[in-house]
Amino acid sequence: VHLMESGGDQAQIGGSLRLSCTVSGQSFTLNAWGWYRQPPGQAREKIATIGVFHGTTYANSVEGRFTISRDNGAGTIFLQMNNLTTDDTGTYYCNMGRWLDGPSLRVWGQGTRVTVSS
């Protein structure tokens, strides 16, 4: 299994970024997927998931600002991040699983780093 996150960058407060996570070596279409965030010095937290039928769930901290989506043909999930704040700074990862589940894959990608500043 290989998870490859990309799209992280430096951004200004109020700006936008779009992250991608491409999955290989794992059944994609029949599984839920999610984005996790690890702020500097803090634990990794789940922030968004998308189900098999494209139902989505978000953490309170990102709801209304972030949108998760998926492209089954490409084996990729996306995270559109709008109205960024400094609290969004961190490394972003993807993994498999529903909102109420823990991450289903033991492996993690290298993540993609997001830095938000004024």
N, C-alpha and C. Protein backbone atom coordinates (compact mmCIF):
# COMPACT_ATOMS: atom_id res chain seq x y z
N VAL A 1 0.85 -1.19 0.00
CA VAL A 1 0.00 0.00 0.00
C VAL A 1 0.88 1.24 0.00
N HIS A 2 0.51 2.18 -0.84
CA HIS A 2 1.27 3.42 -0.92
C HIS A 2 0.30 4.59 -0.93
N LEU A 3 0.53 5.53 -0.02
CA LEU A 3 -0.27 6.75 0.06
C LEU A 3 0.64 7.92 -0.24
N MET A 4 0.26 8.74 -1.19
CA MET A 4 1.10 9.86 -1.57
C MET A 4 0.30 11.14 -1.50
N GLU A 5 0.61 11.93 -0.49
CA GLU A 5 -0.04 13.23 -0.31
C GLU A 5 0.77 14.32 -1.01
N SER A 6 0.06 15.31 -1.52
CA SER A 6 0.73 16.42 -2.18
C SER A 6 -0.15 17.66 -2.11
N GLY A 7 0.43 18.78 -2.47
CA GLY A 7 -0.32 20.02 -2.53
C GLY A 7 -0.07 20.99 -1.39
N GLY A 8 0.64 20.53 -0.38
CA GLY A 8 0.93 21.41 0.73
C GLY A 8 1.86 22.54 0.32
N ASP A 9 1.70 23.66 1.00
CA ASP A 9 2.49 24.83 0.65
C ASP A 9 2.35 25.86 1.76
N GLN A 10 3.02 26.96 1.60
CA GLN A 10 2.82 28.11 2.48
C GLN A 10 1.62 28.90 1.94
N ALA A 11 0.83 29.40 2.86
CA ALA A 11 -0.34 30.18 2.47
C ALA A 11 -0.56 31.29 3.48
N GLN A 12 -1.25 32.31 3.05
CA GLN A 12 -1.58 33.42 3.95
C GLN A 12 -2.91 33.15 4.63
N ILE A 13 -3.11 33.77 5.75
CA ILE A 13 -4.40 33.69 6.44
C ILE A 13 -5.49 34.13 5.47
N GLY A 14 -6.53 33.32 5.40
CA GLY A 14 -7.62 33.58 4.48
C GLY A 14 -7.44 32.98 3.10
N GLY A 15 -6.28 32.40 2.87
CA GLY A 15 -6.01 31.82 1.56
C GLY A 15 -6.58 30.43 1.41
N SER A 16 -6.24 29.81 0.29
CA SER A 16 -6.76 28.49 -0.05
C SER A 16 -5.64 27.59 -0.55
N LEU A 17 -5.83 26.31 -0.31
CA LEU A 17 -4.95 25.28 -0.85
C LEU A 17 -5.81 24.06 -1.20
N ARG A 18 -5.31 23.25 -2.10
CA ARG A 18 -5.98 22.01 -2.47
C ARG A 18 -4.98 20.86 -2.34
N LEU A 19 -5.29 19.95 -1.47
CA LEU A 19 -4.42 18.79 -1.24
C LEU A 19 -4.95 17.58 -2.00
N SER A 20 -4.03 16.70 -2.35
CA SER A 20 -4.38 15.45 -3.01
C SER A 20 -3.71 14.29 -2.30
N CYS A 21 -4.37 13.16 -2.37
CA CYS A 21 -3.79 11.92 -1.85
C CYS A 21 -4.09 10.81 -2.84
N THR A 22 -3.08 10.26 -3.41
CA THR A 22 -3.25 9.17 -4.38
C THR A 22 -2.90 7.86 -3.71
N VAL A 23 -3.78 6.89 -3.89
CA VAL A 23 -3.67 5.60 -3.23
C VAL A 23 -3.32 4.53 -4.26
N SER A 24 -2.39 3.68 -3.92
CA SER A 24 -2.07 2.54 -4.76
C SER A 24 -1.86 1.32 -3.88
N GLY A 25 -2.16 0.15 -4.46
CA GLY A 25 -1.97 -1.09 -3.74
C GLY A 25 -3.06 -1.42 -2.75
N GLN A 26 -4.16 -0.69 -2.80
CA GLN A 26 -5.27 -0.90 -1.88
C GLN A 26 -6.58 -0.62 -2.63
N SER A 27 -7.56 -1.46 -2.41
CA SER A 27 -8.87 -1.22 -3.00
C SER A 27 -9.36 0.17 -2.61
N PHE A 28 -9.73 0.96 -3.59
CA PHE A 28 -10.07 2.36 -3.31
C PHE A 28 -11.57 2.59 -3.30
N THR A 29 -12.24 2.15 -4.36
CA THR A 29 -13.64 2.52 -4.60
C THR A 29 -14.56 2.03 -3.48
N LEU A 30 -14.32 0.88 -2.93
CA LEU A 30 -15.23 0.29 -1.95
C LEU A 30 -14.86 0.62 -0.52
N ASN A 31 -14.06 1.64 -0.32
CA ASN A 31 -13.64 2.03 1.02
C ASN A 31 -13.84 3.52 1.25
N ALA A 32 -14.05 3.84 2.52
CA ALA A 32 -14.07 5.25 2.93
C ALA A 32 -12.64 5.72 3.14
N TRP A 33 -12.44 7.03 2.98
CA TRP A 33 -11.10 7.61 3.11
C TRP A 33 -11.19 8.91 3.89
N GLY A 34 -10.09 9.27 4.49
CA GLY A 34 -10.11 10.47 5.29
C GLY A 34 -8.80 11.23 5.29
N TRP A 35 -8.90 12.46 5.73
CA TRP A 35 -7.73 13.32 5.91
C TRP A 35 -7.48 13.51 7.40
N TYR A 36 -6.21 13.49 7.74
CA TYR A 36 -5.76 13.72 9.09
C TYR A 36 -4.79 14.90 9.08
N ARG A 37 -4.70 15.55 10.21
CA ARG A 37 -3.80 16.68 10.34
C ARG A 37 -2.99 16.54 11.62
N GLN A 38 -1.71 16.84 11.53
CA GLN A 38 -0.85 16.84 12.72
C GLN A 38 -0.19 18.19 12.86
N PRO A 39 -0.71 19.03 13.76
CA PRO A 39 -0.06 20.32 14.00
C PRO A 39 1.30 20.11 14.64
N PRO A 40 2.19 21.06 14.52
CA PRO A 40 3.53 20.92 15.11
C PRO A 40 3.44 20.62 16.61
N GLY A 41 4.11 19.55 17.04
CA GLY A 41 4.16 19.20 18.44
C GLY A 41 2.89 18.60 19.01
N GLN A 42 1.94 18.31 18.16
CA GLN A 42 0.66 17.78 18.63
C GLN A 42 0.37 16.43 17.98
N ALA A 43 -0.67 15.79 18.49
CA ALA A 43 -1.05 14.48 17.96
C ALA A 43 -1.79 14.64 16.63
N ARG A 44 -1.77 13.59 15.87
CA ARG A 44 -2.51 13.58 14.61
C ARG A 44 -4.01 13.47 14.90
N GLU A 45 -4.80 14.22 14.16
CA GLU A 45 -6.24 14.24 14.37
C GLU A 45 -6.95 14.07 13.04
N LYS A 46 -8.10 13.43 13.09
CA LYS A 46 -8.89 13.25 11.88
C LYS A 46 -9.71 14.51 11.64
N ILE A 47 -9.74 14.99 10.41
CA ILE A 47 -10.46 16.22 10.13
C ILE A 47 -11.57 16.06 9.11
N ALA A 48 -11.52 15.03 8.28
CA ALA A 48 -12.56 14.85 7.27
C ALA A 48 -12.54 13.43 6.74
N THR A 49 -13.73 12.91 6.45
CA THR A 49 -13.83 11.61 5.79
C THR A 49 -14.87 11.66 4.68
N ILE A 50 -14.71 10.76 3.74
CA ILE A 50 -15.66 10.63 2.65
C ILE A 50 -15.96 9.15 2.46
N GLY A 51 -17.25 8.82 2.43
CA GLY A 51 -17.65 7.44 2.35
C GLY A 51 -17.73 6.93 0.93
N VAL A 52 -18.11 5.66 0.84
CA VAL A 52 -18.23 5.00 -0.46
C VAL A 52 -19.23 5.71 -1.36
N PHE A 53 -20.29 6.21 -0.76
CA PHE A 53 -21.32 6.92 -1.53
C PHE A 53 -21.17 8.43 -1.43
N HIS A 54 -19.97 8.84 -1.11
CA HIS A 54 -19.56 10.25 -1.11
C HIS A 54 -20.15 11.06 0.03
N GLY A 55 -20.70 10.38 1.04
CA GLY A 55 -21.11 11.11 2.23
C GLY A 55 -19.89 11.63 2.96
N THR A 56 -19.97 12.84 3.50
CA THR A 56 -18.80 13.46 4.12
C THR A 56 -19.07 13.82 5.58
N THR A 57 -18.01 13.82 6.36
CA THR A 57 -18.05 14.23 7.76
C THR A 57 -16.81 15.05 8.04
N TYR A 58 -16.99 16.10 8.86
CA TYR A 58 -15.89 17.01 9.14
C TYR A 58 -15.75 17.27 10.63
N ALA A 59 -14.54 17.53 11.04
CA ALA A 59 -14.31 18.03 12.38
C ALA A 59 -14.87 19.44 12.49
N ASN A 60 -15.29 19.80 13.69
CA ASN A 60 -15.86 21.14 13.88
C ASN A 60 -14.89 22.24 13.45
N SER A 61 -13.60 21.98 13.63
CA SER A 61 -12.60 23.00 13.36
C SER A 61 -12.47 23.35 11.88
N VAL A 62 -12.94 22.46 11.00
CA VAL A 62 -12.77 22.72 9.57
C VAL A 62 -14.10 22.78 8.83
N GLU A 63 -15.19 22.41 9.48
CA GLU A 63 -16.48 22.39 8.80
C GLU A 63 -16.83 23.77 8.26
N GLY A 64 -17.30 23.78 7.03
CA GLY A 64 -17.65 25.04 6.38
C GLY A 64 -16.50 25.69 5.65
N ARG A 65 -15.29 25.23 5.91
CA ARG A 65 -14.11 25.79 5.23
C ARG A 65 -13.41 24.78 4.35
N PHE A 66 -13.44 23.53 4.74
CA PHE A 66 -12.76 22.46 3.99
C PHE A 66 -13.80 21.58 3.31
N THR A 67 -13.43 21.06 2.15
CA THR A 67 -14.29 20.13 1.41
C THR A 67 -13.46 18.93 0.96
N ILE A 68 -13.90 17.75 1.36
CA ILE A 68 -13.24 16.52 0.92
C ILE A 68 -14.00 15.96 -0.27
N SER A 69 -13.27 15.43 -1.22
CA SER A 69 -13.89 14.81 -2.39
C SER A 69 -13.02 13.64 -2.84
N ARG A 70 -13.56 12.86 -3.76
CA ARG A 70 -12.81 11.70 -4.22
C ARG A 70 -13.02 11.49 -5.72
N ASP A 71 -12.01 10.94 -6.34
CA ASP A 71 -12.07 10.54 -7.75
C ASP A 71 -11.73 9.06 -7.80
N ASN A 72 -12.75 8.23 -7.89
CA ASN A 72 -12.53 6.79 -7.83
C ASN A 72 -11.68 6.30 -9.00
N GLY A 73 -11.87 6.88 -10.15
CA GLY A 73 -11.09 6.45 -11.31
C GLY A 73 -9.60 6.70 -11.14
N ALA A 74 -9.28 7.74 -10.42
CA ALA A 74 -7.87 8.09 -10.22
C ALA A 74 -7.33 7.56 -8.90
N GLY A 75 -8.19 6.97 -8.08
CA GLY A 75 -7.74 6.49 -6.78
C GLY A 75 -7.20 7.61 -5.92
N THR A 76 -7.90 8.73 -5.94
CA THR A 76 -7.38 9.93 -5.29
C THR A 76 -8.48 10.61 -4.48
N ILE A 77 -8.10 11.12 -3.32
CA ILE A 77 -8.98 11.99 -2.57
C ILE A 77 -8.37 13.38 -2.52
N PHE A 78 -9.22 14.36 -2.34
CA PHE A 78 -8.80 15.75 -2.33
C PHE A 78 -9.30 16.43 -1.06
N LEU A 79 -8.63 17.51 -0.73
CA LEU A 79 -9.09 18.36 0.36
C LEU A 79 -8.94 19.81 -0.09
N GLN A 80 -10.07 20.43 -0.37
CA GLN A 80 -10.07 21.85 -0.70
C GLN A 80 -10.15 22.63 0.61
N MET A 81 -9.17 23.45 0.84
CA MET A 81 -9.04 24.18 2.10
C MET A 81 -9.19 25.66 1.80
N ASN A 82 -10.22 26.27 2.34
CA ASN A 82 -10.48 27.69 2.15
C ASN A 82 -10.45 28.43 3.47
N ASN A 83 -10.29 29.73 3.38
CA ASN A 83 -10.29 30.58 4.57
C ASN A 83 -9.34 30.04 5.63
N LEU A 84 -8.13 29.80 5.22
CA LEU A 84 -7.14 29.19 6.11
C LEU A 84 -6.82 30.09 7.30
N THR A 85 -6.55 29.44 8.42
CA THR A 85 -6.10 30.13 9.62
C THR A 85 -4.78 29.53 10.08
N THR A 86 -4.13 30.18 11.01
CA THR A 86 -2.85 29.66 11.51
C THR A 86 -3.04 28.30 12.18
N ASP A 87 -4.24 28.04 12.69
CA ASP A 87 -4.51 26.73 13.31
C ASP A 87 -4.51 25.59 12.29
N ASP A 88 -4.55 25.92 11.02
CA ASP A 88 -4.52 24.88 9.98
C ASP A 88 -3.09 24.44 9.65
N THR A 89 -2.12 25.10 10.23
CA THR A 89 -0.72 24.72 10.02
C THR A 89 -0.47 23.31 10.52
N GLY A 90 0.19 22.52 9.72
CA GLY A 90 0.50 21.15 10.12
C GLY A 90 0.82 20.30 8.92
N THR A 91 1.06 19.03 9.22
CA THR A 91 1.29 18.06 8.16
C THR A 91 0.01 17.26 7.95
N TYR A 92 -0.38 17.11 6.72
CA TYR A 92 -1.65 16.48 6.38
C TYR A 92 -1.40 15.10 5.78
N TYR A 93 -2.17 14.16 6.25
CA TYR A 93 -2.05 12.77 5.81
C TYR A 93 -3.42 12.24 5.40
N CYS A 94 -3.41 11.18 4.62
CA CYS A 94 -4.65 10.49 4.32
C CYS A 94 -4.54 9.05 4.81
N ASN A 95 -5.70 8.45 5.04
CA ASN A 95 -5.76 7.05 5.42
C ASN A 95 -7.16 6.53 5.13
N MET A 96 -7.32 5.26 5.25
CA MET A 96 -8.59 4.62 4.93
C MET A 96 -9.43 4.49 6.18
N GLY A 97 -10.74 4.60 6.03
CA GLY A 97 -11.64 4.35 7.15
C GLY A 97 -12.74 5.38 7.27
N ARG A 98 -13.81 4.97 7.96
CA ARG A 98 -14.94 5.86 8.18
C ARG A 98 -14.68 6.79 9.35
N TRP A 99 -15.55 7.77 9.52
CA TRP A 99 -15.36 8.77 10.57
C TRP A 99 -15.27 8.14 11.95
N LEU A 100 -16.14 7.17 12.23
CA LEU A 100 -16.19 6.59 13.57
C LEU A 100 -15.12 5.53 13.80
N ASP A 101 -14.39 5.20 12.75
CA ASP A 101 -13.33 4.21 12.87
C ASP A 101 -11.98 4.90 13.00
N GLY A 102 -11.01 4.17 13.54
CA GLY A 102 -9.64 4.65 13.48
C GLY A 102 -9.09 4.43 12.09
N PRO A 103 -7.89 4.88 11.85
CA PRO A 103 -7.30 4.64 10.53
C PRO A 103 -7.17 3.14 10.28
N SER A 104 -7.60 2.72 9.09
CA SER A 104 -7.64 1.29 8.79
C SER A 104 -6.31 0.75 8.28
N LEU A 105 -5.46 1.63 7.82
CA LEU A 105 -4.17 1.20 7.29
C LEU A 105 -3.07 1.49 8.31
N ARG A 106 -2.20 0.54 8.49
CA ARG A 106 -1.08 0.76 9.40
C ARG A 106 -0.03 1.69 8.79
N VAL A 107 0.02 1.71 7.50
CA VAL A 107 1.02 2.55 6.84
C VAL A 107 0.47 3.96 6.66
N TRP A 108 1.39 4.90 6.65
CA TRP A 108 1.08 6.29 6.39
C TRP A 108 2.00 6.79 5.30
N GLY A 109 1.51 7.77 4.57
CA GLY A 109 2.38 8.44 3.62
C GLY A 109 3.31 9.40 4.32
N GLN A 110 4.07 10.12 3.54
CA GLN A 110 5.00 11.10 4.12
C GLN A 110 4.29 12.37 4.54
N GLY A 111 3.06 12.52 4.07
CA GLY A 111 2.31 13.71 4.41
C GLY A 111 2.71 14.89 3.54
N THR A 112 1.90 15.92 3.63
CA THR A 112 2.20 17.15 2.91
C THR A 112 2.03 18.31 3.88
N ARG A 113 2.99 19.21 3.89
CA ARG A 113 3.04 20.23 4.92
C ARG A 113 2.33 21.50 4.48
N VAL A 114 1.53 22.01 5.38
CA VAL A 114 0.82 23.27 5.18
C VAL A 114 1.26 24.25 6.25
N THR A 115 1.67 25.42 5.84
CA THR A 115 2.06 26.48 6.76
C THR A 115 1.25 27.72 6.44
N VAL A 116 0.50 28.17 7.43
CA VAL A 116 -0.35 29.36 7.24
C VAL A 116 0.19 30.48 8.12
N SER A 117 0.43 31.61 7.52
CA SER A 117 0.96 32.74 8.26
C SER A 117 0.37 34.04 7.72
N SER A 118 0.58 35.08 8.49
CA SER A 118 0.05 36.38 8.06
C SER A 118 1.02 37.08 7.12
